[in-house]
């Protein structure tokens, strides 16, 4: 299951993590986010990439810094910097292929 992190954990969990990290920017009120959650959890359990989730309503500073205007937004961070992102719901196969092509 993907770990939900707070703004205070973001630097250690994402920016300073030695391997690529997929960040799922979501909101509790967002239906596509809720639909994507089980897909994200399945991918997280596969060990393909470290995945963390951030509630944009709780982490407004980070959401603003990375210009998260729509949810769900998935962003891959490499070496402490965003390397790619996608917005909206995607199937597990589509997401796994995207992740494989970026890590």
Protein backbone atom coordinates (compact mmCIF):
# COMPACT_ATOMS: atom_id res chain seq x y z
CA UNK A 1 0.00 0.00 0.00
CA UNK A 2 1.30 3.44 -0.92
CA UNK A 3 2.27 5.53 2.10
CA UNK A 4 0.49 8.84 2.69
CA UNK A 5 3.06 11.45 3.66
CA UNK A 6 2.88 15.00 5.00
CA UNK A 7 4.68 18.12 3.87
CA UNK A 8 7.23 17.65 6.65
CA UNK A 9 8.10 14.15 5.34
CA UNK A 10 8.38 15.18 1.67
CA UNK A 11 12.07 16.06 1.66
CA UNK A 12 13.23 12.80 3.28
CA UNK A 13 10.71 10.52 1.54
CA UNK A 14 10.99 12.01 -1.96
CA UNK A 15 13.69 14.61 -2.54
CA UNK A 16 16.49 12.82 -0.68
CA UNK A 17 15.48 9.26 -1.55
CA UNK A 18 18.29 7.61 -3.57
CA UNK A 19 15.99 5.99 -6.15
CA UNK A 20 13.10 7.30 -8.29
CA UNK A 21 9.86 7.98 -6.40
CA UNK A 22 6.34 8.24 -7.80
CA UNK A 23 4.24 10.83 -5.97
CA UNK A 24 0.47 10.55 -6.22
CA UNK A 25 -0.99 14.02 -5.62
CA UNK A 26 -4.62 13.40 -4.70
CA UNK A 27 -7.63 14.77 -2.82
CA UNK A 28 -10.10 12.86 -0.68
CA UNK A 29 -13.08 14.49 -2.45
CA UNK A 30 -11.83 13.50 -5.96
CA UNK A 31 -13.66 10.54 -7.61
CA UNK A 32 -10.88 9.79 -10.15
CA UNK A 33 -8.39 9.81 -7.24
CA UNK A 34 -10.49 7.24 -5.39
CA UNK A 35 -10.71 5.12 -8.55
CA UNK A 36 -6.93 5.32 -9.02
CA UNK A 37 -6.08 4.42 -5.39
CA UNK A 38 -6.35 0.60 -5.75
CA UNK A 39 -4.28 0.74 -8.96
CA UNK A 40 -1.58 2.76 -7.18
CA UNK A 41 -1.62 0.33 -4.25
CA UNK A 42 -1.20 -2.67 -6.60
CA UNK A 43 1.77 -1.03 -8.33
CA UNK A 44 3.24 -0.06 -4.96
CA UNK A 45 3.04 -3.66 -3.76
CA UNK A 46 4.80 -4.89 -6.92
CA UNK A 47 7.98 -3.05 -5.87
CA UNK A 48 8.40 -1.48 -9.31
CA UNK A 49 8.99 1.96 -7.77
CA UNK A 50 8.61 3.62 -4.38
CA UNK A 51 5.20 5.33 -4.27
CA UNK A 52 3.99 7.95 -1.81
CA UNK A 53 0.70 9.84 -1.72
CA UNK A 54 0.18 13.49 -0.83
CA UNK A 55 -3.21 15.04 -0.10
CA UNK A 56 -3.12 18.40 -1.91
CA UNK A 57 -5.56 19.91 0.59
CA UNK A 58 -3.22 19.06 3.46
CA UNK A 59 0.01 19.91 1.61
CA UNK A 60 -0.85 23.19 -0.12
CA UNK A 61 2.76 24.46 -0.14
CA UNK A 62 4.07 21.42 -2.00
CA UNK A 63 1.08 21.31 -4.35
CA UNK A 64 1.69 24.96 -5.20
CA UNK A 65 5.46 24.53 -5.61
CA UNK A 66 4.99 21.71 -8.14
CA UNK A 67 2.02 23.43 -9.84
CA UNK A 68 -0.54 20.73 -9.11
CA UNK A 69 -3.72 22.20 -10.58
CA UNK A 70 -5.61 18.96 -11.27
CA UNK A 71 -5.90 15.73 -9.32
CA UNK A 72 -4.92 13.02 -9.57
CA UNK A 73 -1.46 14.06 -10.75
CA UNK A 74 1.28 11.46 -10.75
CA UNK A 75 4.83 12.81 -10.75
CA UNK A 76 8.07 10.84 -10.91
CA UNK A 77 10.98 12.38 -9.01
CA UNK A 78 14.57 11.43 -9.83
CA UNK A 79 17.56 12.82 -7.96
CA UNK A 80 15.29 15.16 -6.02
CA UNK A 81 13.71 16.73 -9.11
CA UNK A 82 10.50 16.08 -11.02
CA UNK A 83 11.28 14.11 -14.17
CA UNK A 84 7.82 13.44 -15.62
CA UNK A 85 4.15 13.67 -14.74
CA UNK A 86 0.71 12.70 -15.92
CA UNK A 87 -2.76 13.87 -14.93
CA UNK A 88 -5.93 11.85 -14.54
CA UNK A 89 -6.90 8.21 -14.23
CA UNK A 90 -4.92 5.56 -16.09
CA UNK A 91 -5.10 1.78 -16.13
CA UNK A 92 -2.55 -0.33 -14.28
CA UNK A 93 -0.97 -1.51 -17.56
CA UNK A 94 -0.68 2.06 -18.86
CA UNK A 95 0.88 3.28 -15.62
CA UNK A 96 3.32 0.40 -15.38
CA UNK A 97 4.48 0.99 -18.96
CA UNK A 98 4.88 4.73 -18.25
CA UNK A 99 6.86 4.04 -15.06
CA UNK A 100 9.09 1.47 -16.81
CA UNK A 101 9.90 4.01 -19.51
CA UNK A 102 10.88 6.66 -16.95
CA UNK A 103 12.95 4.79 -14.36
